[in-house]
């Protein structure tokens, strides 16, 4: 009888539990039907400044290769690598012994030619009276005149040779054609150099102003100049804000620059437009061949800015959960610009001021889910969302 009694007690207990579960499932307002609370923010208009960085290569305002115009051995190097030089300053001296000998020979040839011209003139002066007296024929006079012209031509040739020799002598003093910074020296004292040498003696870079070259794709370029005032591209570029230069160590160069020119053609291979910005370099910190990034700012007035955590991405598109009048959420597609805002997006379409969107916990939401919205203050999102305004789960 005892096993039967235990079985009966177990059946009664199971029936009680079953009834309790049915009552709990059917009870209105129970846990299964409870509406969950979510923090939401009201979208507002804010002002912000976006920027984007573009890799750049720096070049001096003027970079000149220094080459020898005459053949000769380097006798003296007057400056050091990396030194600042002035226009006209002597950089190299070549051995001038051979050219000096050429100058002396040319001077002697000029004196001989001058003597020949004087002799021909004297001969002409003697011949003219004889022709007038019909002692000799006019043919003899013409011959003497032709000889004088030939001697004068020879004199002109020797004078030209002398000037050329003197110029070559001057070329043994190689000077700087501009103010700037000296480059490296591939040739040293004793090296034979000429106008046909494979490498230049050095370079001189005028770095008072530095050119920063970079590229924008066609879409970015059109967006940059869209809405700018001006009758032509140069006037439009003049309306752009100052650009910044990010150096190789990620520091920001203390002086700002201006975007001055853009190429007139779109590169068919890359679809890009070449741009040049100019930066002042009075202290010589920037060097030709350096690298970095040009940072272009873009001021946006009355922008809709939302935290990135309010969005989710699906197949390359961005969505938020917008709260409707019935407190149900609806997944809404938006267009965004990431720019430089940390943890925030600038919304270009899909939302308007006053719309409410779910701030946190969107992973647990589905379309048309009813929620209990709790409006919180988002604060300024033009840079970063203030920590004091962030809602904790």
Protein backbone atom coordinates (compact mmCIF):
# COMPACT_ATOMS: atom_id res chain seq x y z
CA UNK A 1 0.00 0.00 0.00
CA UNK A 2 2.93 2.36 0.68
CA UNK A 3 4.14 2.54 -2.99
CA UNK A 4 0.60 3.35 -4.13
CA UNK A 5 0.33 6.12 -1.55
CA UNK A 6 3.67 7.69 -2.70
CA UNK A 7 2.57 7.57 -6.36
CA UNK A 8 -0.67 9.37 -5.51
CA UNK A 9 1.20 12.13 -3.66
CA UNK A 10 3.54 12.62 -6.67
CA UNK A 11 0.61 12.89 -9.07
CA UNK A 12 -1.09 15.51 -6.87
CA UNK A 13 2.12 17.58 -6.68
CA UNK A 14 2.58 17.46 -10.47
CA UNK A 15 -1.00 18.63 -11.00
CA UNK A 16 -0.49 21.57 -8.61
CA UNK A 17 2.70 22.68 -10.44
CA UNK A 18 1.00 22.39 -13.84
CA UNK A 19 -1.91 24.54 -12.74
CA UNK A 20 0.46 27.14 -11.34
CA UNK A 21 2.33 27.41 -14.62
CA UNK A 22 -0.87 27.83 -16.63
CA UNK A 23 -2.05 30.54 -14.26
CA UNK A 24 1.28 32.36 -14.53
CA UNK A 25 1.27 32.19 -18.35
CA UNK A 26 -2.23 33.50 -18.59
CA UNK A 27 -1.89 36.24 -16.02
CA UNK A 28 -2.15 39.72 -17.67
CA UNK A 29 0.77 42.14 -17.11
CA UNK A 30 3.15 39.32 -16.23
CA UNK A 31 6.87 39.24 -17.07
CA UNK A 32 6.30 37.95 -20.60
CA UNK A 33 4.13 40.93 -21.53
CA UNK A 34 6.20 43.63 -19.83
CA UNK A 35 7.38 46.60 -22.03
CA UNK A 36 11.11 47.26 -21.54
CA UNK A 37 12.50 50.74 -20.94
CA UNK A 38 15.14 52.11 -23.37
CA UNK A 39 17.04 55.41 -23.28
CA UNK A 40 16.28 57.59 -26.29
CA UNK A 41 17.59 60.95 -27.50
CA UNK A 42 15.87 63.71 -29.45
CA UNK A 43 17.78 64.65 -32.59
CA UNK A 44 18.87 68.30 -32.64
CA UNK A 45 20.86 70.59 -34.94
CA UNK A 46 24.45 71.38 -34.01
CA UNK A 47 27.44 73.10 -35.60
CA UNK A 48 30.65 71.19 -36.14
CA UNK A 49 33.85 71.14 -38.12
CA UNK A 50 34.87 68.02 -39.96
CA UNK A 51 38.24 67.35 -41.48
CA UNK A 52 39.87 64.71 -43.59
CA UNK A 53 43.56 63.92 -44.03
CA UNK A 54 45.20 63.30 -47.41
CA UNK A 55 48.74 61.89 -47.79
CA UNK A 56 51.11 64.45 -49.23
CA UNK A 57 54.64 64.90 -50.49
CA UNK A 58 56.48 68.12 -49.74
CA UNK A 59 58.56 70.01 -52.26
CA UNK A 60 60.40 73.28 -51.96
CA UNK A 61 59.23 76.32 -53.84
CA UNK A 62 62.27 75.93 -56.05
CA UNK A 63 64.62 72.95 -56.30
CA UNK A 64 67.56 73.44 -58.67
CA UNK A 65 70.15 70.90 -59.75
CA UNK A 66 73.68 72.28 -59.65
CA UNK A 67 75.79 71.03 -62.56
CA UNK A 68 79.15 71.98 -63.97
CA UNK A 69 79.09 73.69 -67.37
CA UNK A 70 82.74 72.83 -68.06
CA UNK A 71 84.90 69.78 -67.54
CA UNK A 72 87.31 69.95 -64.65
CA UNK A 73 88.48 68.51 -61.35
CA UNK A 74 86.82 69.72 -58.15
CA UNK A 75 89.48 71.73 -56.37
CA UNK A 76 87.50 73.09 -53.44
CA UNK A 77 84.03 72.64 -51.89
CA UNK A 78 83.05 75.94 -50.28
CA UNK A 79 79.93 74.86 -48.30
CA UNK A 80 78.70 71.89 -46.33
CA UNK A 81 75.76 69.61 -46.97
CA UNK A 82 72.51 70.94 -45.52
CA UNK A 83 73.83 74.51 -45.24
CA UNK A 84 71.72 77.55 -46.11
CA UNK A 85 73.19 79.53 -49.00
CA UNK A 86 72.41 82.80 -50.71
CA UNK A 87 71.98 83.48 -54.41
CA UNK A 88 75.41 84.02 -56.03
CA UNK A 89 77.35 82.35 -53.21
CA UNK A 90 80.26 80.21 -54.44
CA UNK A 91 79.66 76.51 -53.85
CA UNK A 92 82.49 74.77 -55.75
CA UNK A 93 85.77 75.71 -57.40
CA UNK A 94 87.15 73.65 -60.27
CA UNK A 95 90.81 73.46 -61.25
CA UNK A 96 91.19 76.25 -63.82
CA UNK A 97 94.76 75.76 -65.08
CA UNK A 98 93.79 74.44 -68.51
CA UNK A 99 91.11 77.06 -69.03
CA UNK A 100 93.45 79.87 -67.94
CA UNK A 101 95.93 78.67 -70.58
CA UNK A 102 93.10 78.73 -73.12
CA UNK A 103 92.32 82.32 -72.12
CA UNK A 104 95.94 83.40 -72.57
CA UNK A 105 96.07 81.71 -75.98
CA UNK A 106 92.84 83.42 -77.02
CA UNK A 107 94.19 86.80 -75.90
CA UNK A 108 97.30 86.26 -78.04
CA UNK A 109 95.19 85.32 -81.06
CA UNK A 110 93.17 88.51 -80.62
CA UNK A 111 96.35 90.61 -80.65
CA UNK A 112 97.56 88.87 -83.84
CA UNK A 113 94.18 89.45 -85.49
CA UNK A 114 94.18 93.10 -84.45
CA UNK A 115 97.63 93.54 -86.02
CA UNK A 116 96.43 91.91 -89.24
CA UNK A 117 93.44 94.28 -89.37
CA UNK A 118 95.66 97.31 -88.83
CA UNK A 119 98.02 96.13 -91.59
CA UNK A 120 95.09 95.60 -93.98
CA UNK A 121 93.75 99.10 -93.24
CA UNK A 122 97.13 100.67 -93.89
CA UNK A 123 97.37 98.78 -97.17
CA UNK A 124 93.91 100.03 -98.12
CA UNK A 125 94.83 103.63 -97.37
CA UNK A 126 97.89 103.29 -99.63
CA UNK A 127 95.91 101.69 -102.44
CA UNK A 128 93.10 104.28 -102.72
CA UNK A 129 95.34 107.16 -104.06
CA UNK A 130 96.92 104.83 -106.59
CA UNK A 131 93.50 103.89 -107.95
CA UNK A 132 92.48 107.56 -108.10
CA UNK A 133 95.60 108.28 -110.17
CA UNK A 134 94.86 105.23 -112.35
CA UNK A 135 98.19 103.73 -111.40
CA UNK A 136 96.48 100.49 -110.43
CA UNK A 137 93.06 99.14 -111.35
CA UNK A 138 89.92 99.13 -109.25
CA UNK A 139 90.20 95.38 -109.10
CA UNK A 140 93.29 95.72 -106.95
CA UNK A 141 91.37 98.09 -104.64
CA UNK A 142 88.53 95.61 -104.29
CA UNK A 143 91.01 92.87 -103.46
CA UNK A 144 92.54 94.99 -100.69
CA UNK A 145 89.08 95.86 -99.32
CA UNK A 146 88.11 92.16 -99.33
CA UNK A 147 91.30 91.30 -97.46
CA UNK A 148 90.46 93.92 -94.80
CA UNK A 149 86.98 92.47 -94.32
CA UNK A 150 88.46 88.99 -93.98
CA UNK A 151 90.92 90.20 -91.35
CA UNK A 152 88.12 91.99 -89.45
CA UNK A 153 86.10 88.77 -89.49
CA UNK A 154 89.07 86.86 -88.12
CA UNK A 155 89.40 89.46 -85.38
CA UNK A 156 85.73 89.08 -84.46
CA UNK A 157 86.17 85.30 -84.32
CA UNK A 158 89.19 85.52 -82.04
CA UNK A 159 87.39 88.00 -79.79
CA UNK A 160 84.46 85.58 -79.53
CA UNK A 161 86.86 82.77 -78.65
CA UNK A 162 88.35 84.94 -75.93
CA UNK A 163 84.94 85.77 -74.47
CA UNK A 164 84.03 82.08 -74.51
CA UNK A 165 87.29 81.18 -72.76
CA UNK A 166 86.71 83.86 -70.11
CA UNK A 167 83.17 82.56 -69.60
CA UNK A 168 84.50 79.05 -69.12
CA UNK A 169 86.94 80.43 -66.60
CA UNK A 170 84.04 81.96 -64.71
CA UNK A 171 82.24 78.61 -64.82
CA UNK A 172 85.01 77.09 -62.72
CA UNK A 173 83.42 79.09 -59.87
CA UNK A 174 80.09 77.34 -59.45
CA UNK A 175 77.60 79.57 -57.63
CA UNK A 176 74.10 79.12 -56.22
CA UNK A 177 71.31 80.33 -58.52
CA UNK A 178 68.92 80.94 -55.60
CA UNK A 179 68.60 81.14 -51.83
CA UNK A 180 68.05 77.73 -50.32
CA UNK A 181 69.29 74.61 -48.60
CA UNK A 182 72.17 72.60 -50.03
CA UNK A 183 71.61 68.92 -50.72
CA UNK A 184 74.09 66.05 -50.62
CA UNK A 185 77.45 65.86 -52.45
CA UNK A 186 77.87 62.79 -54.65
CA UNK A 187 81.28 64.12 -55.81
CA UNK A 188 84.20 65.12 -53.60
CA UNK A 189 87.43 67.07 -54.02
CA UNK A 190 89.46 65.60 -56.88
CA UNK A 191 86.47 64.22 -58.78
CA UNK A 192 86.30 64.94 -62.48
CA UNK A 193 82.96 66.50 -63.41
CA UNK A 194 81.44 67.94 -66.54
CA UNK A 195 78.13 68.95 -68.06
CA UNK A 196 77.51 65.30 -68.97
CA UNK A 197 78.05 63.89 -65.45
CA UNK A 198 75.35 61.42 -64.46
CA UNK A 199 74.49 63.16 -61.20
CA UNK A 200 74.39 66.84 -60.33
CA UNK A 201 77.03 68.24 -58.00
CA UNK A 202 74.26 68.96 -55.51
CA UNK A 203 70.84 70.61 -55.30
CA UNK A 204 69.64 73.90 -53.86
CA UNK A 205 66.11 73.94 -52.50
CA UNK A 206 64.33 77.20 -51.82
CA UNK A 207 62.14 76.25 -48.87
CA UNK A 208 60.79 79.63 -47.79
CA UNK A 209 57.49 78.25 -49.05
CA UNK A 210 56.68 74.57 -49.26
CA UNK A 211 54.35 72.96 -51.77
CA UNK A 212 52.27 70.06 -50.46
CA UNK A 213 50.89 67.93 -53.31
CA UNK A 214 47.98 65.57 -52.70
CA UNK A 215 45.02 64.05 -54.55
CA UNK A 216 41.25 63.99 -54.12
CA UNK A 217 38.90 61.73 -55.98
CA UNK A 218 36.50 63.47 -58.30
CA UNK A 219 33.54 63.14 -55.92
CA UNK A 220 35.47 64.62 -52.99
CA UNK A 221 36.76 67.47 -55.12
CA UNK A 222 33.26 68.42 -56.31
CA UNK A 223 31.96 68.25 -52.73
CA UNK A 224 34.83 70.49 -51.56
CA UNK A 225 34.17 73.32 -54.02
CA UNK A 226 30.38 72.95 -54.15
CA UNK A 227 28.66 76.07 -52.92
CA UNK A 228 31.79 78.21 -52.84
CA UNK A 229 31.49 81.70 -54.28
CA UNK A 230 33.61 82.68 -57.26
CA UNK A 231 33.52 83.10 -61.02
CA UNK A 232 36.28 80.57 -61.61
CA UNK A 233 38.10 77.78 -59.81
CA UNK A 234 40.85 80.04 -58.44
CA UNK A 235 38.31 82.33 -56.82
CA UNK A 236 36.48 79.34 -55.36
CA UNK A 237 39.68 77.86 -53.94
CA UNK A 238 40.45 81.21 -52.33
CA UNK A 239 37.25 80.84 -50.29
CA UNK A 240 38.37 77.55 -48.74
CA UNK A 241 39.46 77.62 -45.08
CA UNK A 242 43.13 77.27 -44.20
CA UNK A 243 44.53 73.76 -44.37
CA UNK A 244 46.72 72.14 -41.72
CA UNK A 245 49.79 69.99 -42.21
CA UNK A 246 50.22 66.79 -40.22
CA UNK A 247 53.91 65.92 -40.03
CA UNK A 248 55.46 62.47 -40.19
CA UNK A 249 55.48 62.22 -36.37
CA UNK A 250 51.71 62.96 -36.33
CA UNK A 251 52.25 66.42 -34.86
CA UNK A 252 50.44 69.39 -36.37
CA UNK A 253 52.66 71.96 -38.09
CA UNK A 254 52.22 75.29 -36.31
CA UNK A 255 51.52 77.32 -39.46
CA UNK A 256 48.49 76.83 -41.66
CA UNK A 257 48.54 76.82 -45.44
CA UNK A 258 46.32 77.65 -48.37
CA UNK A 259 45.00 75.47 -51.18
CA UNK A 260 46.04 77.43 -54.24
CA UNK A 261 45.79 75.29 -57.37
CA UNK A 262 44.07 72.20 -58.74
CA UNK A 263 44.89 70.36 -61.93
CA UNK A 264 42.58 70.97 -64.86
CA UNK A 265 42.35 67.25 -65.69
CA UNK A 266 41.01 64.23 -63.86
CA UNK A 267 43.50 61.37 -63.94
CA UNK A 268 41.79 58.70 -66.01
CA UNK A 269 43.77 55.92 -64.33
CA UNK A 270 42.97 56.89 -60.74
CA UNK A 271 39.95 59.19 -61.11
CA UNK A 272 41.70 61.78 -58.95
CA UNK A 273 42.42 65.51 -59.10
CA UNK A 274 45.87 66.76 -58.11
CA UNK A 275 45.83 69.59 -55.57
CA UNK A 276 48.60 71.87 -54.29
CA UNK A 277 48.62 73.58 -50.92
CA UNK A 278 51.30 76.11 -49.93
CA UNK A 279 52.72 76.41 -46.40
CA UNK A 280 55.14 79.08 -45.12
CA UNK A 281 58.45 77.73 -43.84
CA UNK A 282 60.40 80.63 -42.34
CA UNK A 283 62.29 78.47 -39.83
CA UNK A 284 63.20 75.77 -42.35
CA UNK A 285 61.53 72.96 -40.38
CA UNK A 286 60.00 71.49 -43.53
CA UNK A 287 62.32 69.87 -46.07
CA UNK A 288 61.88 68.89 -49.70
CA UNK A 289 60.98 65.24 -50.09
CA UNK A 290 59.27 65.11 -46.69
CA UNK A 291 55.94 63.39 -46.17
CA UNK A 292 52.84 63.99 -44.10
CA UNK A 293 49.15 64.69 -44.56
CA UNK A 294 47.16 67.74 -45.56
CA UNK A 295 44.15 68.20 -43.30
CA UNK A 296 41.22 69.98 -44.94
CA UNK A 297 38.55 71.33 -42.57
CA UNK A 298 34.88 71.62 -43.44
CA UNK A 299 32.59 73.71 -41.25
CA UNK A 300 29.02 72.45 -41.13
CA UNK A 301 26.28 74.62 -39.68
CA UNK A 302 23.03 73.09 -38.40
CA UNK A 303 24.14 69.49 -38.71
CA UNK A 304 22.39 66.46 -37.26
CA UNK A 305 24.96 64.54 -35.20
CA UNK A 306 24.22 61.20 -33.54
CA UNK A 307 26.35 58.75 -31.54
CA UNK A 308 27.70 55.86 -33.58
CA UNK A 309 26.28 53.38 -31.04
CA UNK A 310 22.74 54.37 -32.05
CA UNK A 311 23.33 52.89 -35.51
CA UNK A 312 23.82 49.48 -37.02
CA UNK A 313 25.13 48.58 -40.44
CA UNK A 314 23.53 46.15 -42.86
CA UNK A 315 24.92 45.49 -46.35
CA UNK A 316 26.80 48.77 -46.39
CA UNK A 317 23.80 50.82 -45.24
CA UNK A 318 23.28 52.51 -41.87
CA UNK A 319 20.08 52.26 -39.80
CA UNK A 320 18.72 53.61 -36.52
CA UNK A 321 15.67 52.66 -34.48
CA UNK A 322 13.35 55.65 -34.59
CA UNK A 323 10.62 55.87 -31.95
CA UNK A 324 7.12 56.43 -33.34
CA UNK A 325 4.14 58.13 -31.71
CA UNK A 326 2.89 54.73 -30.56
CA UNK A 327 6.23 54.05 -28.80
CA UNK A 328 7.07 51.40 -31.33
CA UNK A 329 10.51 51.47 -32.95
CA UNK A 330 11.02 51.49 -36.70
CA UNK A 331 14.33 50.76 -38.39
CA UNK A 332 15.12 53.86 -40.44
CA UNK A 333 17.85 54.09 -43.09
CA UNK A 334 20.14 57.09 -42.81
CA UNK A 335 23.05 58.57 -44.79
CA UNK A 336 26.07 59.51 -42.69
CA UNK A 337 29.47 61.16 -42.81
CA UNK A 338 31.99 59.77 -40.36
CA UNK A 339 34.60 62.52 -40.73
CA UNK A 340 36.83 63.03 -37.71
CA UNK A 341 34.14 62.93 -35.02
CA UNK A 342 35.06 60.33 -32.47
CA UNK A 343 32.14 57.97 -31.80
CA UNK A 344 29.70 60.18 -33.74
CA UNK A 345 28.23 60.48 -37.23
CA UNK A 346 26.91 63.47 -39.16
CA UNK A 347 23.55 62.50 -40.66
CA UNK A 348 22.93 63.91 -44.12
CA UNK A 349 19.49 62.34 -44.71
CA UNK A 350 16.93 60.09 -43.02
CA UNK A 351 16.36 62.12 -39.85
CA UNK A 352 15.13 65.58 -38.96
CA UNK A 353 15.35 67.73 -35.87
CA UNK A 354 13.03 66.49 -33.12
CA UNK A 355 13.05 62.83 -34.16
CA UNK A 356 13.68 60.41 -31.32
CA UNK A 357 16.02 57.45 -31.68
CA UNK A 358 17.07 54.67 -29.33
CA UNK A 359 20.41 55.44 -27.73
CA UNK A 360 21.46 52.09 -26.28
CA UNK A 361 20.52 48.43 -26.37
CA UNK A 362 19.58 48.34 -30.06
CA UNK A 363 20.93 44.81 -30.46
CA UNK A 364 17.87 43.44 -28.63
CA UNK A 365 15.35 45.39 -30.71
CA UNK A 366 13.33 44.37 -33.75
CA UNK A 367 11.16 46.40 -36.09
CA UNK A 368 7.80 47.41 -34.54
CA UNK A 369 8.91 46.46 -31.03
CA UNK A 370 7.10 48.49 -28.41
CA UNK A 371 9.30 50.13 -25.83
CA UNK A 372 9.06 52.46 -22.89
CA UNK A 373 11.17 55.43 -24.02
CA UNK A 374 13.25 57.31 -21.46
CA UNK A 375 14.33 60.64 -22.91
CA UNK A 376 17.92 61.56 -21.98
CA UNK A 377 20.10 64.52 -22.84
CA UNK A 378 22.63 63.69 -25.58
CA UNK A 379 24.70 66.84 -25.08
CA UNK A 380 27.06 68.25 -27.69
CA UNK A 381 28.22 65.71 -30.22
CA UNK A 382 30.23 68.10 -32.38
CA UNK A 383 33.38 66.53 -30.94
CA UNK A 384 32.58 63.77 -28.45
CA UNK A 385 29.62 62.86 -26.33
CA UNK A 386 30.29 64.14 -22.78
CA UNK A 387 30.76 61.28 -20.34
CA UNK A 388 28.34 62.86 -17.86
CA UNK A 389 25.50 62.53 -20.38
CA UNK A 390 26.11 58.94 -21.36
CA UNK A 391 23.51 56.53 -20.07
CA UNK A 392 24.72 53.38 -18.36
CA UNK A 393 22.91 50.06 -18.70
